[in-house]
Protein backbone atom coordinates (compact mmCIF):
# COMPACT_ATOMS: atom_id res chain seq x y z
CA MET A 1 91.39 35.55 116.99
CA LEU A 2 94.05 37.49 115.20
CA PHE A 3 91.60 39.85 113.61
CA LEU A 4 90.17 40.83 117.07
CA VAL A 5 93.69 41.42 118.55
CA VAL A 6 94.57 43.78 115.52
CA LEU A 7 91.36 45.60 115.98
CA VAL A 8 91.63 46.18 119.61
CA GLY A 9 95.25 47.03 119.34
CA GLY A 10 94.54 49.45 116.47
CA TYR A 11 91.88 51.16 118.47
CA ALA A 12 93.95 51.55 121.36
CA ALA A 13 96.71 53.26 119.20
CA ALA A 14 94.21 55.52 117.79
CA VAL A 15 93.17 56.52 121.28
CA LEU A 16 96.66 57.06 122.36
CA LEU A 17 97.36 59.35 119.27
CA THR A 18 94.17 61.46 119.82
CA ARG A 19 94.40 61.58 123.76
CA HIS A 20 94.75 65.38 123.55
CA ILE A 21 91.42 66.00 122.17
CA TRP A 22 90.02 65.17 125.68
CA ASP A 23 92.01 68.07 127.15
CA ASP A 24 91.08 71.82 127.61
CA ARG A 25 93.45 74.15 125.60
CA GLU A 26 96.06 76.41 127.36
CA ALA A 27 95.08 79.86 126.69
CA THR A 28 95.71 83.44 127.76
CA ARG A 29 93.05 85.78 128.92
CA ILE A 30 93.75 89.44 128.02
CA THR A 31 91.60 92.42 129.50
CA TYR A 32 91.68 95.56 127.47
CA ALA A 33 90.35 99.00 128.68
CA THR A 34 88.65 101.09 126.10
CA VAL A 35 90.34 104.51 125.16
CA THR A 36 88.08 107.02 123.31
CA SER A 37 89.66 110.16 121.95
CA ASP A 38 87.61 112.43 124.07
CA GLY A 39 87.65 110.36 127.20
CA ALA A 40 84.02 109.61 127.05
CA PRO A 41 82.77 106.09 127.94
CA ALA A 42 82.37 103.78 125.03
CA SER A 43 78.80 103.39 123.77
CA ALA A 44 77.12 99.87 123.57
CA ASP A 45 77.15 99.99 119.90
CA ALA A 46 80.74 100.79 119.52
CA LEU A 47 81.56 98.02 122.08
CA VAL A 48 79.66 95.43 119.87
CA LYS A 49 81.65 96.62 116.76
CA VAL A 50 84.95 96.23 118.69
CA ARG A 51 84.00 92.56 119.55
CA ASP A 52 83.03 91.76 115.81
CA VAL A 53 86.19 93.44 114.49
CA VAL A 54 88.40 91.69 117.22
CA GLU A 55 86.87 88.19 116.44
CA LYS A 56 87.56 88.84 112.50
CA ARG A 57 91.07 89.64 113.20
CA LEU A 58 91.80 86.71 115.35
CA TYR A 59 90.26 84.46 112.76
CA GLY A 60 92.34 86.05 110.14
CA ILE A 61 95.54 85.32 112.04
CA GLY A 62 94.62 81.66 112.88
CA PHE A 63 93.05 81.89 116.30
CA SER A 64 89.47 80.80 115.35
CA GLY A 65 88.92 79.13 118.62
CA SER A 66 89.25 82.35 120.60
CA GLU A 67 86.72 84.05 122.78
CA VAL A 68 85.92 87.76 122.80
CA LYS A 69 83.42 89.07 125.46
CA ILE A 70 82.33 92.53 126.61
CA ASP A 71 82.44 93.11 130.56
CA ASN A 72 81.02 96.60 131.16
CA ASP A 73 83.55 98.88 129.48
CA THR A 74 86.41 96.46 129.02
CA VAL A 75 86.91 93.82 126.33
CA VAL A 76 88.11 90.36 127.48
CA VAL A 77 90.05 88.18 124.80
CA THR A 78 90.86 84.63 125.47
CA VAL A 79 93.25 83.12 123.07
CA PRO A 80 94.64 79.56 122.62
CA SER A 81 98.19 80.52 123.17
CA ARG A 82 100.38 81.39 126.32
CA ASP A 83 102.29 84.20 124.59
CA PRO A 84 100.13 87.21 124.62
CA ASP A 85 102.49 89.06 122.17
CA THR A 86 101.22 86.78 119.44
CA VAL A 87 97.89 88.83 119.32
CA ARG A 88 99.39 92.28 120.11
CA ASP A 89 98.18 93.78 116.86
CA ILE A 90 94.64 92.96 117.49
CA ALA A 91 94.44 96.04 119.70
CA MET A 92 95.68 98.34 116.78
CA PRO A 93 92.86 100.84 115.84
CA GLY A 94 93.58 99.92 112.10
CA GLN A 95 92.54 103.32 110.68
CA LEU A 96 93.72 103.33 107.13
CA THR A 97 93.60 106.71 105.17
CA ILE A 98 94.96 107.73 101.78
CA ARG A 99 96.11 111.31 101.71
CA PRO A 100 97.70 113.57 99.17
CA VAL A 101 101.26 114.61 100.19
CA VAL A 102 101.52 118.38 100.51
CA HIS A 103 105.17 118.51 101.69
CA ALA A 104 107.73 115.90 102.96
CA MET A 105 111.18 116.47 104.50
CA ALA A 106 113.68 114.36 106.56
CA ALA A 107 113.29 113.80 110.21
CA LYS A 108 115.97 115.46 112.26
CA THR A 109 116.59 112.38 114.42
CA GLY A 110 117.23 109.87 111.56
CA PRO A 111 116.29 106.40 111.61
CA GLN A 112 114.61 105.27 114.74
CA THR A 113 113.53 101.96 116.52
CA PRO A 114 109.97 101.35 115.58
CA PRO A 115 107.60 102.85 118.51
CA PRO A 116 105.37 100.44 120.34
CA ALA A 117 102.24 99.38 118.62
CA PRO A 118 99.09 101.16 119.56
CA GLY A 119 97.68 99.37 122.44
CA ALA A 120 101.00 98.01 123.71
CA THR A 121 101.53 100.66 126.33
CA LYS A 122 99.35 102.65 128.55
CA PRO A 123 97.11 105.15 126.80
CA PHE A 124 97.45 108.89 126.54
CA PRO A 125 95.04 111.13 128.30
CA ALA A 126 92.28 112.55 126.19
CA GLN A 127 93.63 116.19 126.74
CA ARG A 128 97.08 115.02 125.13
CA ILE A 129 95.33 113.69 122.14
CA SER A 130 93.35 116.91 121.81
CA ASP A 131 96.63 118.82 122.05
CA GLU A 132 98.16 116.76 119.21
CA LYS A 133 95.16 117.30 117.10
CA GLU A 134 95.31 121.14 117.55
CA LEU A 135 98.91 121.14 116.72
CA ARG A 136 99.18 118.62 113.91
CA GLN A 137 95.83 118.87 112.27
CA SER A 138 95.63 122.75 112.01
CA THR A 139 94.47 124.33 108.72
CA ASN A 140 96.70 127.28 109.47
CA PRO A 141 99.88 127.28 107.37
CA SER A 142 101.96 128.99 109.87
CA ILE A 143 101.06 126.37 112.50
CA GLN A 144 101.60 123.64 109.95
CA ILE A 145 105.22 124.67 109.32
CA LEU A 146 105.88 124.71 113.30
CA ALA A 147 104.32 121.14 113.41
CA LEU A 148 106.48 119.92 110.75
CA GLN A 149 109.47 121.21 112.47
CA TYR A 150 108.65 119.84 115.94
CA GLN A 151 107.45 116.55 114.54
CA ALA A 152 110.66 116.02 112.79
CA THR A 153 112.55 115.80 116.09
CA ARG A 154 110.20 112.97 117.73
CA CYS A 155 109.67 110.50 114.76
CA GLY A 156 110.96 107.90 117.06
CA ASP A 157 108.49 108.45 119.89
CA GLU A 158 105.23 106.75 120.39
CA ASP A 159 102.46 108.70 118.82
CA ALA A 160 99.58 109.96 121.04
CA LEU A 161 97.60 110.60 117.92
CA ALA A 162 97.83 107.11 116.57
CA GLY A 163 94.52 106.22 115.18
CA HIS A 164 92.80 109.36 116.51
CA ASP A 165 93.41 111.74 113.68
CA ASP A 166 90.56 113.26 111.86
CA PRO A 167 90.44 112.26 108.32
CA ASN A 168 88.71 115.34 107.10
CA LEU A 169 91.66 117.62 108.34
CA PRO A 170 95.19 117.91 107.20
CA LEU A 171 97.77 115.76 109.24
CA VAL A 172 101.48 116.33 110.18
CA THR A 173 103.13 112.88 110.83
CA CYS A 174 105.91 110.61 110.47
CA SER A 175 106.84 107.61 108.20
CA ALA A 176 106.66 104.10 109.90
CA ASP A 177 110.41 103.92 109.79
CA GLY A 178 111.05 107.43 111.29
CA GLN A 179 112.99 108.77 108.39
CA THR A 180 110.56 111.19 106.98
CA VAL A 181 107.97 113.76 108.31
CA TYR A 182 105.03 114.67 105.98
CA LEU A 183 102.32 117.49 105.70
CA LEU A 184 99.31 115.56 104.48
CA SER A 185 96.05 117.05 102.97
CA LYS A 186 92.52 115.56 104.14
CA ALA A 187 91.89 111.96 103.24
CA VAL A 188 90.50 110.98 99.85
CA LEU A 189 89.83 107.36 100.97
CA SER A 190 89.60 105.70 104.29
CA GLY A 191 89.31 101.99 105.44
CA THR A 192 85.49 102.07 105.24
CA GLU A 193 85.85 101.77 101.42
CA ILE A 194 87.81 98.53 101.68
CA SER A 195 86.04 95.38 100.83
CA GLU A 196 88.70 92.98 101.29
CA ALA A 197 92.53 92.74 101.72
CA ASP A 198 95.24 90.11 101.32
CA SER A 199 98.98 89.70 101.52
CA GLY A 200 101.52 88.33 99.03
CA TYR A 201 104.78 88.50 97.46
CA ASN A 202 105.51 90.81 94.65
CA ARG A 203 108.14 89.08 92.60
CA ASP A 204 108.90 92.05 90.34
CA ALA A 205 109.47 94.41 93.36
CA GLY A 206 111.02 91.66 95.50
CA ARG A 207 108.99 92.31 98.55
CA TYR A 208 105.78 91.40 100.61
CA VAL A 209 102.76 93.49 99.81
CA VAL A 210 99.16 93.89 100.82
CA ASP A 211 96.73 93.84 98.04
CA VAL A 212 93.45 95.93 98.72
CA ALA A 213 90.04 95.55 96.81
CA LEU A 214 87.95 98.76 97.22
CA THR A 215 84.14 99.01 97.37
CA ALA A 216 82.28 100.42 94.44
CA ALA A 217 82.07 103.78 95.92
CA GLY A 218 85.77 103.62 96.89
CA THR A 219 86.69 102.60 93.18
CA ASN A 220 84.78 105.39 91.68
CA THR A 221 86.43 107.96 94.07
CA TRP A 222 89.86 106.51 93.52
CA SER A 223 89.54 106.46 89.75
CA GLU A 224 88.53 110.17 89.76
CA PHE A 225 91.33 111.20 92.04
CA THR A 226 94.12 109.39 90.27
CA SER A 227 92.84 110.71 86.85
CA ALA A 228 93.17 114.19 88.06
CA ASN A 229 96.39 113.86 90.03
CA ILE A 230 98.78 112.00 87.79
CA GLY A 231 102.26 112.62 89.01
CA ALA A 232 101.15 113.53 92.47
CA GLN A 233 102.38 111.71 95.67
CA THR A 234 99.89 110.04 97.96
CA ALA A 235 100.47 108.65 101.46
CA PHE A 236 98.98 105.34 102.93
CA THR A 237 98.65 105.99 106.52
CA LEU A 238 97.99 103.38 109.21
CA ASP A 239 96.95 104.72 112.47
CA SER A 240 98.33 108.05 111.72
CA ARG A 241 101.77 106.84 110.50
CA VAL A 242 102.93 106.54 106.69
CA VAL A 243 103.56 103.22 105.57
CA SER A 244 103.91 103.96 102.04
CA ALA A 245 104.07 107.16 99.79
CA PRO A 246 103.91 106.26 96.09
CA GLN A 247 103.59 108.61 93.17
CA ILE A 248 100.54 108.18 91.04
CA ARG A 249 101.70 107.15 87.56
CA GLU A 250 98.48 106.61 85.87
CA ALA A 251 94.73 106.58 86.32
CA ILE A 252 93.62 103.57 88.41
CA SER A 253 90.14 102.49 87.64
CA GLY A 254 90.06 98.72 88.66
CA GLY A 255 89.53 99.16 92.39
CA GLN A 256 92.74 97.39 93.25
CA LEU A 257 95.41 98.85 95.55
CA GLN A 258 98.74 97.56 96.43
CA ILE A 259 100.38 98.74 99.81
CA SER A 260 104.15 98.25 99.83
CA GLY A 261 106.65 98.79 102.78
CA ASP A 262 109.15 97.25 104.84
CA PHE A 263 107.03 94.18 105.25
CA THR A 264 107.82 90.58 106.37
CA ALA A 265 105.54 87.72 105.23
CA GLU A 266 103.93 87.85 108.90
CA SER A 267 103.47 91.43 109.16
CA ALA A 268 101.93 91.71 105.77
CA ARG A 269 99.60 89.02 106.77
CA GLU A 270 98.59 90.67 109.98
CA LEU A 271 98.19 94.18 108.15
CA ALA A 272 95.99 92.42 105.53
CA GLY A 273 93.90 90.83 108.40
CA ILE A 274 93.47 94.28 110.16
CA LEU A 275 92.43 96.14 107.14
CA GLY A 276 89.96 93.43 105.97
CA SER A 277 88.26 93.29 109.20
CA GLY A 278 87.70 96.94 109.63
CA SER A 279 89.01 99.69 112.09
CA LEU A 280 88.10 99.89 115.81
CA PRO A 281 86.03 102.84 116.69
CA PHE A 282 88.39 103.47 119.69
CA SER A 283 91.78 102.24 120.93
CA LEU A 284 92.24 99.42 123.20
CA SER A 285 94.83 99.40 126.11
CA PRO A 286 95.94 96.17 127.96
CA GLU A 287 95.24 96.14 131.48
CA SER A 288 96.11 92.52 132.58
CA SER A 289 96.70 89.08 131.17
CA ALA A 290 96.48 85.69 132.76
CA ASP A 291 96.82 82.08 132.12
CA ALA A 292 93.49 80.53 131.32
CA LEU A 293 91.89 77.52 129.71
CA LEU A 294 89.56 77.23 126.56
CA PRO A 295 87.10 74.22 126.05
CA ALA A 296 87.91 71.99 123.11
CA THR A 297 86.93 73.10 119.69
CA LEU A 298 84.08 71.82 117.69
CA ILE A 299 86.38 69.59 115.69
CA ALA A 300 87.74 68.11 118.83
CA LYS A 301 84.31 67.37 120.17
CA LEU A 302 83.37 65.74 117.02
CA LEU A 303 86.33 63.59 117.17
CA ARG A 304 85.28 62.61 120.68
CA VAL A 305 81.95 61.57 119.50
CA LEU A 306 83.76 59.58 116.53
CA VAL A 307 86.24 57.85 118.87
CA ILE A 308 83.49 56.93 121.33
CA ALA A 309 81.30 55.60 118.51
CA VAL A 310 84.19 53.62 117.17
CA GLY A 311 84.94 52.37 120.55
CA ILE A 312 81.28 51.10 120.99
CA GLY A 313 81.74 49.41 117.65
CA VAL A 314 85.04 47.64 118.56
CA LEU A 315 83.51 46.59 121.99
CA ALA A 316 80.46 45.11 120.19
CA ILE A 317 82.72 43.23 117.64
CA THR A 318 85.07 41.97 120.37
CA VAL A 319 82.38 40.77 122.62
CA THR A 320 80.53 39.07 119.66
CA GLY A 321 83.73 37.40 118.44
CA ALA A 322 84.64 36.28 121.88
CA VAL A 323 81.40 34.65 122.17
CA TYR A 324 81.69 33.00 118.92
CA LEU A 325 84.92 31.73 119.76
CA VAL A 326 83.68 30.28 122.98
CA ARG A 327 80.66 28.72 121.61
CA ARG A 328 81.88 27.40 118.20
CA PRO A 329 82.18 23.68 117.90
CA ALA A 330 85.61 22.21 118.42
CA THR A 331 87.36 21.10 115.25
CA PRO A 332 87.29 17.18 115.12
CA HIS A 333 90.44 15.38 114.88
CA TRP A 334 90.80 12.46 112.75
């Protein structure tokens, strides 16, 4: 009898502790508009790529139970969180390039509050993006000087060119901290030559970093470039801003890069996730967000089946035990 009481009581306690597996998950549904650099509608193939990239980014930051759907020319993302800011960075274009530094100078405005992340505000018109390209990606040395001087006065502003720069042209841009403005040559490497990325803590430097592994083609290109440019400065740009500008001290042939900057553990992890998932073919701009519900995860559904199966077993044992106790012969008393 005591065994049956313990069995039923234990099962009841297990059901109580796992009661949340029966509930749908609280979520936020965010609708993003697609923003191409020329203002043209996004192609079907590009939308599919966006969906795949966003899914990888969400998985990388721990939101594996999210949903990403294409609705005409919008991207609808539903995440198991009621705080949309937790997934703000998934809308970043994530365009990484490595460019030789031609010239660097201090920004006239000094350190600035970091501008909003791409996708955090309304998109710039296609004409504005085109104008920025014409000014800041010119191959004319005279225009480059003017662009440097002008850009030095607005390093604290949101960048209309973010994620839209042409890697095959020079670029005038600011550092991520707003302290320096650069004239950069055309890119020698881009995010397409990244095979994987991970974050970690560099104990020697005392800072968080992002470790990047290159593809075979990227490894060959980087090895040849570093061998021929020892002593030169190169800039790692993410969405048109310089996050790091180290000097090449030796030839690098192993296909491993390390990006350092003013990273926290979280921002380094997010950047690694963005770089490892690939870049978006165009920008995403949030149109709306609303509370939503997501169905239970596969693990929760399996737990439901397990709880039900155990419940059936407990019920069978309880009934069998009760029948036995009722029908067993009475113990004789002498």
